[in-house]
Amino acid sequence: MPHRTAAALALTALLAAGCAAPAPTAGPAFAHVHGVGVDPGDGTVYVASHDGLFRSGPDGLVPAGAAGRDLMGFTVAGPARFLSSGHPAPGDTLPEPLGLVESTDGGTTWTPLSLTGEVDFHALEVAGTTVYGYDATHGLLRASADGGRTWDDRAALRALDIAVHPVDGRSVLATVEGGVAASSDGGRTFAAPAGPQLAYVSWAPDGQVFGLGLDSTVHVSTDRGASWTTAGTVPGGRPQAVTATPDGLLAATAGGVFRSVDGGMSFTPIA
């Protein structure tokens, strides 16, 4: 089987798996990680999962809120301010899917913002005053200039993850079948995919882009995704999430949640 075909099939499997991926082999009892981030106010690591939100502490990751709720598309928008999407917990009174929900108290409580009962965002990014969301329900990139309350439709595409330049919000990358698709007009149009077949991608504050391949190999770009080099490999097998922070790289795989402080060359476990 040609390499490109095999990679495309593997990405399709990740897209189809959704929340059905196997549980990590270590750490707290959550079934699948959908996002990782750091609160810039105090440096706490947060993990959004199929079973709610977890935060780092002296004893590892502990529950932080939204117990039993399937938190998708998680991103940290500011100190103690998080955005997410996904599916209600058993017994929740909110419609399915959640649309966009917001927490301003570190994940303890959540308030619906928009598209409740209409959209499941599988990826969320904040760039300046703009929120980008990949609407997996309709296969559509959306953008919001008012914090996620109202939305503009952008390009239609079938993506697993998105990343937005931290300063130039017009530059958007999407991991799609065939490689990484790039946009220079705020996600209204995308070039044909190129480069390595990545599952997840994150734009660091310093302008570097970090991606996880289908085998959790770390790929790095310094030219907005035009070319890539490889670094190390995240332990634990199947990739689940990646976030580049000012203090290093956070990555989740089927084997747990890990941190790198050397540009993705090596990793130590958080959970």
Protein backbone atom coordinates (compact mmCIF):
# COMPACT_ATOMS: atom_id res chain seq x y z
CA MET A 1 0.00 0.00 0.00
CA PRO A 2 1.47 3.43 -0.91
CA HIS A 3 2.60 5.48 2.08
CA ARG A 4 0.21 8.36 1.29
CA THR A 5 -2.77 5.99 1.08
CA ALA A 6 -1.88 4.33 4.37
CA ALA A 7 -1.52 7.71 6.07
CA ALA A 8 -4.87 8.87 4.72
CA LEU A 9 -6.57 5.74 6.01
CA ALA A 10 -4.99 6.22 9.43
CA LEU A 11 -6.18 9.84 9.58
CA THR A 12 -9.65 8.73 8.52
CA ALA A 13 -9.63 6.24 11.39
CA LEU A 14 -8.75 9.04 13.82
CA LEU A 15 -11.55 11.19 12.42
CA ALA A 16 -14.05 8.37 12.73
CA ALA A 17 -12.95 7.26 16.18
CA GLY A 18 -14.00 10.47 17.90
CA CYS A 19 -14.49 9.60 21.55
CA ALA A 20 -14.09 5.87 21.09
CA ALA A 21 -10.31 5.73 21.39
CA PRO A 22 -8.89 3.54 24.16
CA ALA A 23 -8.20 4.92 27.62
CA PRO A 24 -4.72 6.06 28.64
CA THR A 25 -2.68 3.39 30.39
CA ALA A 26 -1.74 5.70 33.27
CA GLY A 27 -3.13 8.64 35.22
CA PRO A 28 -6.72 9.45 36.17
CA ALA A 29 -9.73 7.61 34.76
CA PHE A 30 -10.61 9.56 31.65
CA ALA A 31 -11.29 7.77 28.39
CA HIS A 32 -9.88 10.17 25.82
CA VAL A 33 -8.15 13.55 25.75
CA HIS A 34 -9.62 16.25 23.49
CA GLY A 35 -7.45 19.19 24.50
CA VAL A 36 -4.65 20.38 26.75
CA GLY A 37 -3.70 23.88 27.86
CA VAL A 38 -2.08 26.05 30.50
CA ASP A 39 -3.78 28.78 32.51
CA PRO A 40 -1.51 31.83 32.02
CA GLY A 41 -2.55 33.16 35.41
CA ASP A 42 -0.96 30.43 37.51
CA GLY A 43 0.66 27.88 35.16
CA THR A 44 -1.80 25.09 35.94
CA VAL A 45 -2.11 22.45 33.23
CA TYR A 46 -5.68 21.57 32.21
CA VAL A 47 -6.78 18.46 30.33
CA ALA A 48 -10.17 18.34 28.63
CA SER A 49 -11.40 14.79 28.25
CA HIS A 50 -14.32 12.54 27.40
CA ASP A 51 -15.11 12.52 31.13
CA GLY A 52 -14.77 16.18 32.07
CA LEU A 53 -11.96 18.58 32.90
CA PHE A 54 -8.83 17.75 34.91
CA ARG A 55 -6.07 20.00 36.29
CA SER A 56 -2.52 19.40 37.42
CA GLY A 57 -1.61 19.44 41.10
CA PRO A 58 0.87 17.97 43.58
CA ASP A 59 -0.73 14.54 43.15
CA GLY A 60 -0.99 14.66 39.35
CA LEU A 61 -4.19 15.37 37.45
CA VAL A 62 -7.35 15.76 39.50
CA PRO A 63 -10.95 16.57 38.48
CA ALA A 64 -11.55 20.29 37.88
CA GLY A 65 -15.17 20.40 36.73
CA ALA A 66 -17.81 19.33 34.20
CA ALA A 67 -17.84 15.78 35.56
CA GLY A 68 -19.01 13.26 32.99
CA ARG A 69 -19.25 15.88 30.23
CA ASP A 70 -17.48 15.14 26.96
CA LEU A 71 -15.39 18.31 26.47
CA MET A 72 -14.35 18.74 22.85
CA GLY A 73 -12.41 21.54 21.17
CA PHE A 74 -10.96 22.89 24.41
CA THR A 75 -8.84 26.05 24.49
CA VAL A 76 -7.57 28.45 27.14
CA ALA A 77 -8.72 31.97 26.25
CA GLY A 78 -7.16 33.78 29.23
CA PRO A 79 -6.59 33.46 32.97
CA ALA A 80 -9.28 31.11 34.33
CA ARG A 81 -11.23 31.59 31.05
CA PHE A 82 -11.78 28.48 28.96
CA LEU A 83 -13.84 27.71 25.85
CA SER A 84 -15.08 24.26 24.91
CA SER A 85 -17.75 22.31 23.10
CA GLY A 86 -18.87 18.68 23.05
CA HIS A 87 -21.65 16.66 24.60
CA PRO A 88 -23.67 16.83 27.85
CA ALA A 89 -23.01 14.53 30.77
CA PRO A 90 -25.62 11.92 31.68
CA GLY A 91 -28.42 13.80 33.41
CA ASP A 92 -27.31 17.17 32.00
CA THR A 93 -30.17 19.50 31.07
CA LEU A 94 -28.32 21.10 28.15
CA PRO A 95 -29.22 20.12 24.57
CA GLU A 96 -27.03 17.88 22.44
CA PRO A 97 -24.53 19.04 21.19
CA LEU A 98 -23.33 21.75 23.57
CA GLY A 99 -22.38 24.37 20.97
CA LEU A 100 -19.84 26.76 22.47
CA VAL A 101 -19.59 26.93 26.26
CA GLU A 102 -17.43 29.20 28.43
CA SER A 103 -15.95 28.99 31.91
CA THR A 104 -14.58 32.05 33.71
CA ASP A 105 -13.71 30.26 36.96
CA GLY A 106 -11.12 27.73 35.86
CA GLY A 107 -13.57 25.13 34.64
CA THR A 108 -15.72 24.81 37.76
CA THR A 109 -18.86 26.14 36.07
CA TRP A 110 -19.78 26.56 32.40
CA THR A 111 -22.19 28.89 30.57
CA PRO A 112 -23.58 28.33 27.05
CA LEU A 113 -22.47 31.10 24.67
CA SER A 114 -23.80 30.15 21.24
CA LEU A 115 -24.98 27.45 18.82
CA THR A 116 -26.38 25.32 21.66
CA GLY A 117 -27.98 22.20 20.25
CA GLU A 118 -26.56 22.96 16.80
CA VAL A 119 -22.77 22.57 16.63
CA ASP A 120 -20.04 20.32 18.01
CA PHE A 121 -16.71 22.14 17.69
CA HIS A 122 -13.88 19.60 17.55
CA ALA A 123 -11.18 22.30 17.54
CA LEU A 124 -11.10 25.81 18.99
CA GLU A 125 -8.40 28.49 18.77
CA VAL A 126 -8.16 32.08 19.99
CA ALA A 127 -6.06 34.60 18.06
CA GLY A 128 -6.27 38.12 19.43
CA THR A 129 -9.95 39.03 19.52
CA THR A 130 -10.99 36.29 17.09
CA VAL A 131 -12.17 32.80 18.02
CA TYR A 132 -11.87 30.10 15.36
CA GLY A 133 -13.81 26.86 15.61
CA TYR A 134 -13.90 23.76 13.46
CA ASP A 135 -17.56 22.79 13.27
CA ALA A 136 -17.40 19.01 12.92
CA THR A 137 -21.20 18.78 12.70
CA HIS A 138 -21.25 20.58 9.35
CA GLY A 139 -17.64 20.19 8.17
CA LEU A 140 -17.06 23.93 8.33
CA LEU A 141 -14.57 26.41 9.73
CA ARG A 142 -16.22 29.26 11.63
CA ALA A 143 -14.86 32.53 13.05
CA SER A 144 -16.17 34.85 15.73
CA ALA A 145 -15.06 38.44 16.35
CA ASP A 146 -17.03 38.83 19.60
CA GLY A 147 -15.67 36.07 21.81
CA GLY A 148 -17.81 33.27 20.40
CA ARG A 149 -21.28 34.82 20.58
CA THR A 150 -21.86 35.22 16.84
CA TRP A 151 -20.13 33.43 13.98
CA ASP A 152 -19.14 33.86 10.33
CA ASP A 153 -18.89 30.83 8.06
CA ARG A 154 -15.49 30.28 6.48
CA ALA A 155 -14.24 27.36 4.35
CA ALA A 156 -15.89 23.96 4.15
CA LEU A 157 -13.35 21.21 4.86
CA ARG A 158 -12.92 17.87 6.60
CA ALA A 159 -10.27 18.49 9.26
CA LEU A 160 -9.07 16.90 12.46
CA ASP A 161 -7.42 19.99 13.97
CA ILE A 162 -6.66 23.66 13.30
CA ALA A 163 -3.99 26.14 14.41
CA VAL A 164 -3.95 29.93 14.11
CA HIS A 165 -0.93 32.24 14.09
CA PRO A 166 -0.73 33.93 17.53
CA VAL A 167 -0.33 37.42 16.02
CA ASP A 168 -1.51 37.20 12.41
CA GLY A 169 -5.00 35.75 12.73
CA ARG A 170 -5.28 35.49 8.95
CA SER A 171 -2.85 32.54 8.92
CA VAL A 172 -4.66 29.28 9.66
CA LEU A 173 -3.48 25.68 9.31
CA ALA A 174 -5.70 22.60 9.19
CA THR A 175 -4.74 18.93 9.38
CA VAL A 176 -6.61 17.20 6.58
CA GLU A 177 -6.26 14.08 4.49
CA GLY A 178 -3.08 14.47 2.43
CA GLY A 179 -1.16 16.77 4.77
CA VAL A 180 -1.52 20.28 6.15
CA ALA A 181 -3.74 22.83 4.39
CA ALA A 182 -2.81 26.51 4.82
CA SER A 183 -4.92 29.64 4.62
CA SER A 184 -3.72 33.24 4.49
CA ASP A 185 -7.17 34.88 4.46
CA GLY A 186 -8.59 33.88 7.81
CA GLY A 187 -9.76 30.44 6.75
CA ARG A 188 -11.94 31.60 3.86
CA THR A 189 -9.87 29.57 1.40
CA PHE A 190 -7.18 26.91 1.82
CA ALA A 191 -4.36 25.79 -0.44
CA ALA A 192 -4.03 22.15 -1.38
CA PRO A 193 -2.63 20.05 1.49
CA ALA A 194 1.12 19.45 1.57
CA GLY A 195 3.84 18.25 3.92
CA PRO A 196 3.61 15.43 6.43
CA GLN A 197 0.35 13.75 7.37
CA LEU A 198 -0.32 15.27 10.78
CA ALA A 199 -3.11 14.57 13.24
CA TYR A 200 -2.84 17.58 15.57
CA VAL A 201 -1.12 20.94 15.22
CA SER A 202 -0.41 23.97 17.44
CA TRP A 203 1.15 27.39 16.81
CA ALA A 204 3.61 28.45 19.50
CA PRO A 205 3.82 32.05 20.75
CA ASP A 206 7.28 32.38 19.16
CA GLY A 207 5.93 31.54 15.69
CA GLN A 208 7.00 27.91 15.47
CA VAL A 209 4.37 25.34 14.54
CA PHE A 210 4.34 21.93 16.23
CA GLY A 211 2.46 18.95 14.85
CA LEU A 212 1.89 15.35 15.91
CA GLY A 213 2.12 12.71 13.23
CA LEU A 214 -0.10 9.64 13.22
CA ASP A 215 2.61 7.78 15.17
CA SER A 216 3.01 10.73 17.61
CA THR A 217 6.27 11.89 16.04
CA VAL A 218 6.74 15.63 16.59
CA HIS A 219 7.07 17.76 13.44
CA VAL A 220 8.26 21.38 13.59
CA SER A 221 7.86 24.24 11.11
CA THR A 222 9.43 27.71 11.32
CA ASP A 223 7.85 29.01 8.09
CA ARG A 224 4.10 28.78 8.74
CA GLY A 225 3.87 25.16 7.63
CA ALA A 226 5.70 25.47 4.31
CA SER A 227 8.41 23.00 5.41
CA TRP A 228 8.87 20.66 8.35
CA THR A 229 11.57 18.90 10.34
CA THR A 230 11.16 16.09 12.85
CA ALA A 231 12.03 16.16 16.55
CA GLY A 232 11.26 13.37 19.04
CA THR A 233 8.27 11.09 19.55
CA VAL A 234 5.67 11.42 22.29
CA PRO A 235 5.38 8.15 24.24
CA GLY A 236 2.14 6.23 24.42
CA GLY A 237 1.11 5.51 20.84
CA ARG A 238 -1.94 7.08 19.25
CA PRO A 239 -1.94 10.92 19.31
CA GLN A 240 -4.81 12.79 20.97
CA ALA A 241 -3.85 16.46 21.40
CA VAL A 242 -0.97 18.94 21.28
CA THR A 243 -0.58 22.51 22.57
CA ALA A 244 2.48 24.75 22.34
CA THR A 245 2.83 27.11 25.32
CA PRO A 246 5.42 29.77 26.26
CA ASP A 247 7.01 27.23 28.61
CA GLY A 248 7.07 24.19 26.37
CA LEU A 249 5.00 21.63 24.55
CA LEU A 250 2.09 19.64 25.98
CA ALA A 251 0.97 16.48 24.22
CA ALA A 252 -1.52 13.72 24.90
CA THR A 253 -1.47 10.20 23.50
CA ALA A 254 -3.26 6.98 24.30
CA GLY A 255 -0.58 6.47 26.97
CA GLY A 256 -1.07 9.69 28.94
CA VAL A 257 -0.25 13.39 29.00
CA PHE A 258 3.33 14.58 28.55
CA ARG A 259 5.43 17.76 28.60
CA SER A 260 8.52 18.74 26.60
CA VAL A 261 10.80 21.68 27.42
CA ASP A 262 13.29 21.05 24.60
CA GLY A 263 11.21 21.64 21.50
CA GLY A 264 9.68 18.19 21.33
CA MET A 265 12.92 16.21 21.49
CA SER A 266 12.04 14.50 24.81
CA PHE A 267 9.01 14.20 27.05
CA THR A 268 8.21 13.62 30.70
CA PRO A 269 4.83 12.40 31.93
CA ILE A 270 2.26 14.60 33.62
CA ALA A 271 -0.18 11.69 33.87
